[in-house]
Amino acid sequence: MNPKTGDLIRIIWSNFASESLKEIYLYHKEVASESIAKRLKTNIFNTTRQLIKHPLSGQIDETLATLEQGHRYLVKGNYKIIYRKIKEGILITDIFDTRQDPIKINNPNRKPSR
């Protein structure tokens, strides 16, 4: 809930973040099982719901600070859910596998992660 207006804060997924979540699902479906992939996807998705009531609950993402867009993140398992506050609500910009080199998050040519 937006304390200034009383409106519900919307969670918006960027195409890149949606594609990352899809790739994560497909990877785990292939290497583990469909039920594990579904559970992981659901857990990541559900983690973002806390942002409706607590949009600033995530830590500031220092690796993206140079962009000066106020990126924050939540962690679910091995995945970093990166988001920022925008006029329309909360924009989920990326789902990043924390087992990768953190510097990769800034690579403009990076494909959605598995």
N, C-alpha and C. Protein backbone atom coordinates (compact mmCIF):
# COMPACT_ATOMS: atom_id res chain seq x y z
N MET A 1 0.85 -1.17 0.00
CA MET A 1 0.00 0.00 0.00
C MET A 1 0.89 1.24 0.00
N ASN A 2 0.59 2.14 -0.88
CA ASN A 2 1.33 3.39 -0.95
C ASN A 2 0.84 4.30 0.19
N PRO A 3 1.73 4.64 1.15
CA PRO A 3 1.31 5.44 2.30
C PRO A 3 0.81 6.83 1.91
N LYS A 4 1.28 7.36 0.79
CA LYS A 4 0.87 8.71 0.38
C LYS A 4 -0.54 8.72 -0.22
N THR A 5 -0.85 7.70 -1.02
CA THR A 5 -2.13 7.71 -1.73
C THR A 5 -3.12 6.67 -1.24
N GLY A 6 -2.63 5.65 -0.53
CA GLY A 6 -3.51 4.57 -0.09
C GLY A 6 -3.72 3.52 -1.18
N ASP A 7 -3.12 3.74 -2.36
CA ASP A 7 -3.26 2.79 -3.46
C ASP A 7 -2.37 1.58 -3.23
N LEU A 8 -2.79 0.47 -3.79
CA LEU A 8 -1.97 -0.74 -3.75
C LEU A 8 -0.79 -0.57 -4.69
N ILE A 9 0.38 -0.97 -4.24
CA ILE A 9 1.57 -0.89 -5.08
C ILE A 9 1.57 -2.09 -6.02
N ARG A 10 1.80 -1.85 -7.29
CA ARG A 10 1.82 -2.90 -8.31
C ARG A 10 3.22 -3.46 -8.46
N ILE A 11 3.29 -4.78 -8.69
CA ILE A 11 4.54 -5.43 -9.03
C ILE A 11 4.53 -5.62 -10.54
N ILE A 12 5.55 -5.09 -11.21
CA ILE A 12 5.65 -5.16 -12.66
C ILE A 12 6.94 -5.91 -12.99
N TRP A 13 6.84 -6.88 -13.88
CA TRP A 13 8.02 -7.67 -14.28
C TRP A 13 8.51 -7.17 -15.63
N SER A 14 9.80 -6.85 -15.72
CA SER A 14 10.39 -6.50 -17.01
C SER A 14 10.45 -7.76 -17.87
N ASN A 15 10.56 -7.58 -19.17
CA ASN A 15 10.70 -8.73 -20.06
C ASN A 15 11.95 -9.53 -19.70
N PHE A 16 13.04 -8.84 -19.35
CA PHE A 16 14.28 -9.52 -19.01
C PHE A 16 14.11 -10.38 -17.77
N ALA A 17 13.46 -9.84 -16.74
CA ALA A 17 13.24 -10.61 -15.51
C ALA A 17 12.32 -11.80 -15.76
N SER A 18 11.28 -11.60 -16.56
CA SER A 18 10.36 -12.70 -16.90
C SER A 18 11.10 -13.80 -17.65
N GLU A 19 11.94 -13.41 -18.58
CA GLU A 19 12.72 -14.38 -19.34
C GLU A 19 13.71 -15.11 -18.44
N SER A 20 14.31 -14.40 -17.50
CA SER A 20 15.23 -15.03 -16.54
C SER A 20 14.50 -16.08 -15.71
N LEU A 21 13.31 -15.74 -15.22
CA LEU A 21 12.54 -16.69 -14.43
C LEU A 21 12.16 -17.91 -15.26
N LYS A 22 11.81 -17.68 -16.52
CA LYS A 22 11.49 -18.79 -17.42
C LYS A 22 12.70 -19.70 -17.62
N GLU A 23 13.87 -19.11 -17.84
CA GLU A 23 15.10 -19.89 -18.03
C GLU A 23 15.45 -20.69 -16.77
N ILE A 24 15.27 -20.08 -15.61
CA ILE A 24 15.52 -20.77 -14.35
C ILE A 24 14.60 -21.98 -14.23
N TYR A 25 13.33 -21.77 -14.54
CA TYR A 25 12.35 -22.86 -14.49
C TYR A 25 12.75 -23.99 -15.44
N LEU A 26 13.05 -23.65 -16.69
CA LEU A 26 13.40 -24.67 -17.68
C LEU A 26 14.66 -25.44 -17.30
N TYR A 27 15.64 -24.73 -16.76
CA TYR A 27 16.88 -25.38 -16.34
C TYR A 27 16.61 -26.40 -15.22
N HIS A 28 15.89 -25.98 -14.20
CA HIS A 28 15.63 -26.88 -13.08
C HIS A 28 14.69 -28.01 -13.45
N LYS A 29 13.80 -27.76 -14.39
CA LYS A 29 12.93 -28.82 -14.89
C LYS A 29 13.77 -29.90 -15.55
N GLU A 30 14.80 -29.47 -16.29
CA GLU A 30 15.67 -30.39 -17.01
C GLU A 30 16.62 -31.14 -16.08
N VAL A 31 17.25 -30.46 -15.15
CA VAL A 31 18.29 -31.09 -14.32
C VAL A 31 17.76 -31.69 -13.02
N ALA A 32 16.57 -31.26 -12.59
CA ALA A 32 16.01 -31.78 -11.34
C ALA A 32 14.66 -32.46 -11.65
N SER A 33 13.60 -31.69 -11.56
CA SER A 33 12.27 -32.22 -11.90
C SER A 33 11.31 -31.05 -12.10
N GLU A 34 10.18 -31.35 -12.68
CA GLU A 34 9.19 -30.31 -12.92
C GLU A 34 8.66 -29.76 -11.60
N SER A 35 8.46 -30.62 -10.61
CA SER A 35 7.93 -30.15 -9.33
C SER A 35 8.92 -29.22 -8.62
N ILE A 36 10.21 -29.53 -8.69
CA ILE A 36 11.23 -28.65 -8.10
C ILE A 36 11.26 -27.32 -8.86
N ALA A 37 11.19 -27.38 -10.17
CA ALA A 37 11.20 -26.15 -10.99
C ALA A 37 9.99 -25.28 -10.66
N LYS A 38 8.82 -25.89 -10.53
CA LYS A 38 7.60 -25.14 -10.20
C LYS A 38 7.71 -24.51 -8.81
N ARG A 39 8.23 -25.28 -7.86
CA ARG A 39 8.36 -24.78 -6.49
C ARG A 39 9.32 -23.59 -6.44
N LEU A 40 10.44 -23.69 -7.14
CA LEU A 40 11.40 -22.60 -7.18
C LEU A 40 10.80 -21.35 -7.80
N LYS A 41 10.13 -21.53 -8.94
CA LYS A 41 9.49 -20.40 -9.62
C LYS A 41 8.44 -19.75 -8.72
N THR A 42 7.63 -20.56 -8.07
CA THR A 42 6.59 -20.05 -7.17
C THR A 42 7.21 -19.32 -5.99
N ASN A 43 8.28 -19.87 -5.42
CA ASN A 43 8.95 -19.22 -4.29
C ASN A 43 9.53 -17.87 -4.67
N ILE A 44 10.14 -17.79 -5.84
CA ILE A 44 10.69 -16.51 -6.31
C ILE A 44 9.55 -15.52 -6.52
N PHE A 45 8.51 -15.97 -7.18
CA PHE A 45 7.36 -15.10 -7.45
C PHE A 45 6.73 -14.62 -6.14
N ASN A 46 6.53 -15.53 -5.19
CA ASN A 46 5.91 -15.17 -3.92
C ASN A 46 6.78 -14.22 -3.09
N THR A 47 8.09 -14.34 -3.21
CA THR A 47 8.99 -13.45 -2.47
C THR A 47 8.76 -12.00 -2.87
N THR A 48 8.42 -11.77 -4.13
CA THR A 48 8.21 -10.39 -4.59
C THR A 48 6.96 -9.77 -3.97
N ARG A 49 6.05 -10.58 -3.48
CA ARG A 49 4.80 -10.04 -2.92
C ARG A 49 5.03 -9.17 -1.69
N GLN A 50 6.11 -9.43 -0.95
CA GLN A 50 6.37 -8.61 0.25
C GLN A 50 6.60 -7.15 -0.14
N LEU A 51 6.97 -6.92 -1.41
CA LEU A 51 7.24 -5.56 -1.86
C LEU A 51 5.98 -4.71 -1.97
N ILE A 52 4.82 -5.36 -2.02
CA ILE A 52 3.55 -4.62 -2.07
C ILE A 52 3.39 -3.79 -0.80
N LYS A 53 3.69 -4.40 0.34
CA LYS A 53 3.56 -3.69 1.62
C LYS A 53 4.86 -3.02 2.07
N HIS A 54 5.98 -3.60 1.64
CA HIS A 54 7.28 -3.10 2.09
C HIS A 54 8.22 -2.91 0.90
N PRO A 55 7.97 -1.90 0.07
CA PRO A 55 8.74 -1.73 -1.17
C PRO A 55 10.23 -1.46 -0.98
N LEU A 56 10.62 -1.01 0.18
CA LEU A 56 12.04 -0.72 0.41
C LEU A 56 12.68 -1.76 1.33
N SER A 57 12.07 -2.94 1.42
CA SER A 57 12.57 -3.96 2.33
C SER A 57 13.86 -4.62 1.87
N GLY A 58 14.16 -4.56 0.60
CA GLY A 58 15.38 -5.15 0.09
C GLY A 58 16.58 -4.24 0.32
N GLN A 59 17.75 -4.84 0.28
CA GLN A 59 18.98 -4.07 0.43
C GLN A 59 19.30 -3.33 -0.87
N ILE A 60 20.04 -2.24 -0.75
CA ILE A 60 20.50 -1.50 -1.92
C ILE A 60 21.53 -2.37 -2.64
N ASP A 61 21.41 -2.45 -3.96
CA ASP A 61 22.33 -3.27 -4.75
C ASP A 61 23.53 -2.41 -5.16
N GLU A 62 24.64 -2.64 -4.48
CA GLU A 62 25.85 -1.84 -4.73
C GLU A 62 26.43 -2.08 -6.12
N THR A 63 26.22 -3.28 -6.67
CA THR A 63 26.78 -3.56 -8.00
C THR A 63 26.08 -2.76 -9.09
N LEU A 64 24.87 -2.27 -8.81
CA LEU A 64 24.13 -1.48 -9.79
C LEU A 64 24.03 -0.01 -9.39
N ALA A 65 24.74 0.38 -8.35
CA ALA A 65 24.66 1.76 -7.85
C ALA A 65 25.08 2.79 -8.89
N THR A 66 26.00 2.41 -9.78
CA THR A 66 26.47 3.36 -10.79
C THR A 66 25.35 3.78 -11.75
N LEU A 67 24.30 2.99 -11.84
CA LEU A 67 23.16 3.34 -12.71
C LEU A 67 22.31 4.45 -12.09
N GLU A 68 22.45 4.62 -10.77
CA GLU A 68 21.71 5.66 -10.03
C GLU A 68 20.21 5.58 -10.25
N GLN A 69 19.66 4.35 -10.20
CA GLN A 69 18.23 4.16 -10.36
C GLN A 69 17.59 3.56 -9.11
N GLY A 70 18.37 3.43 -8.04
CA GLY A 70 17.82 2.95 -6.79
C GLY A 70 17.52 1.46 -6.75
N HIS A 71 18.31 0.67 -7.46
CA HIS A 71 18.08 -0.78 -7.46
C HIS A 71 18.28 -1.37 -6.07
N ARG A 72 17.39 -2.26 -5.72
CA ARG A 72 17.46 -3.01 -4.47
C ARG A 72 17.31 -4.48 -4.83
N TYR A 73 17.49 -5.34 -3.83
CA TYR A 73 17.32 -6.76 -4.11
C TYR A 73 16.84 -7.53 -2.89
N LEU A 74 16.18 -8.64 -3.19
CA LEU A 74 15.80 -9.65 -2.22
C LEU A 74 16.51 -10.92 -2.63
N VAL A 75 16.75 -11.81 -1.69
CA VAL A 75 17.40 -13.08 -2.02
C VAL A 75 16.43 -14.21 -1.70
N LYS A 76 16.31 -15.13 -2.65
CA LYS A 76 15.53 -16.35 -2.45
C LYS A 76 16.38 -17.50 -2.95
N GLY A 77 16.86 -18.31 -2.03
CA GLY A 77 17.74 -19.42 -2.40
C GLY A 77 19.01 -18.87 -3.02
N ASN A 78 19.34 -19.35 -4.20
CA ASN A 78 20.54 -18.90 -4.92
C ASN A 78 20.27 -17.73 -5.85
N TYR A 79 19.09 -17.13 -5.75
CA TYR A 79 18.70 -16.10 -6.70
C TYR A 79 18.48 -14.75 -6.04
N LYS A 80 18.98 -13.75 -6.71
CA LYS A 80 18.85 -12.36 -6.30
C LYS A 80 17.73 -11.76 -7.16
N ILE A 81 16.70 -11.27 -6.51
CA ILE A 81 15.57 -10.65 -7.20
C ILE A 81 15.84 -9.14 -7.18
N ILE A 82 16.15 -8.58 -8.31
CA ILE A 82 16.55 -7.18 -8.39
C ILE A 82 15.35 -6.35 -8.84
N TYR A 83 15.15 -5.25 -8.13
CA TYR A 83 14.00 -4.39 -8.43
C TYR A 83 14.33 -2.94 -8.13
N ARG A 84 13.43 -2.09 -8.60
CA ARG A 84 13.53 -0.67 -8.28
C ARG A 84 12.13 -0.08 -8.26
N LYS A 85 12.01 0.98 -7.52
CA LYS A 85 10.73 1.66 -7.41
C LYS A 85 10.59 2.60 -8.60
N ILE A 86 9.44 2.55 -9.24
CA ILE A 86 9.13 3.46 -10.34
C ILE A 86 7.76 4.09 -10.04
N LYS A 87 7.38 5.05 -10.83
CA LYS A 87 6.11 5.75 -10.60
C LYS A 87 4.92 4.79 -10.57
N GLU A 88 4.94 3.79 -11.45
CA GLU A 88 3.81 2.86 -11.56
C GLU A 88 3.80 1.77 -10.49
N GLY A 89 4.89 1.61 -9.75
CA GLY A 89 4.94 0.57 -8.72
C GLY A 89 6.37 0.08 -8.51
N ILE A 90 6.52 -1.22 -8.41
CA ILE A 90 7.82 -1.85 -8.24
C ILE A 90 8.14 -2.63 -9.51
N LEU A 91 9.28 -2.33 -10.11
CA LEU A 91 9.69 -3.00 -11.34
C LEU A 91 10.75 -4.05 -11.01
N ILE A 92 10.41 -5.32 -11.24
CA ILE A 92 11.38 -6.40 -11.10
C ILE A 92 12.21 -6.37 -12.38
N THR A 93 13.50 -6.10 -12.26
CA THR A 93 14.34 -5.92 -13.44
C THR A 93 15.16 -7.15 -13.80
N ASP A 94 15.41 -8.03 -12.81
CA ASP A 94 16.30 -9.16 -13.09
C ASP A 94 16.15 -10.21 -11.99
N ILE A 95 16.40 -11.44 -12.35
CA ILE A 95 16.59 -12.54 -11.40
C ILE A 95 17.98 -13.05 -11.71
N PHE A 96 18.89 -12.89 -10.76
CA PHE A 96 20.31 -13.16 -10.99
C PHE A 96 20.77 -14.31 -10.11
N ASP A 97 21.42 -15.29 -10.72
CA ASP A 97 21.96 -16.43 -9.99
C ASP A 97 23.20 -15.97 -9.22
N THR A 98 23.14 -16.03 -7.90
CA THR A 98 24.23 -15.51 -7.07
C THR A 98 25.48 -16.38 -7.12
N ARG A 99 25.41 -17.52 -7.77
CA ARG A 99 26.60 -18.37 -7.91
C ARG A 99 27.50 -17.89 -9.05
N GLN A 100 27.04 -16.89 -9.80
CA GLN A 100 27.84 -16.29 -10.87
C GLN A 100 28.73 -15.19 -10.30
N ASP A 101 29.69 -14.78 -11.08
CA ASP A 101 30.52 -13.64 -10.72
C ASP A 101 29.61 -12.41 -10.67
N PRO A 102 29.56 -11.70 -9.54
CA PRO A 102 28.64 -10.56 -9.42
C PRO A 102 28.85 -9.46 -10.46
N ILE A 103 30.04 -9.37 -10.99
CA ILE A 103 30.33 -8.34 -11.99
C ILE A 103 29.51 -8.57 -13.27
N LYS A 104 29.09 -9.82 -13.51
CA LYS A 104 28.30 -10.15 -14.71
C LYS A 104 26.96 -9.42 -14.74
N ILE A 105 26.48 -9.02 -13.58
CA ILE A 105 25.18 -8.36 -13.52
C ILE A 105 25.16 -7.07 -14.33
N ASN A 106 26.31 -6.45 -14.50
CA ASN A 106 26.42 -5.19 -15.25
C ASN A 106 26.69 -5.38 -16.73
N ASN A 107 26.84 -6.61 -17.18
CA ASN A 107 27.16 -6.86 -18.57
C ASN A 107 25.93 -6.59 -19.46
N PRO A 108 26.01 -5.58 -20.33
CA PRO A 108 24.85 -5.25 -21.16
C PRO A 108 24.50 -6.36 -22.17
N ASN A 109 25.42 -7.28 -22.43
CA ASN A 109 25.17 -8.36 -23.37
C ASN A 109 24.72 -9.65 -22.70
N ARG A 110 24.56 -9.60 -21.38
CA ARG A 110 24.18 -10.81 -20.63
C ARG A 110 22.79 -11.28 -21.01
N LYS A 111 22.69 -12.57 -21.19
CA LYS A 111 21.40 -13.20 -21.47
C LYS A 111 20.76 -13.55 -20.12
N PRO A 112 19.44 -13.75 -20.10
CA PRO A 112 18.80 -14.17 -18.84
C PRO A 112 19.48 -15.42 -18.28
N SER A 113 19.62 -15.45 -16.97
CA SER A 113 20.37 -16.55 -16.33
C SER A 113 19.52 -17.79 -16.14
N ARG A 114 20.22 -18.89 -16.04
CA ARG A 114 19.60 -20.17 -15.71
C ARG A 114 19.79 -20.32 -14.25
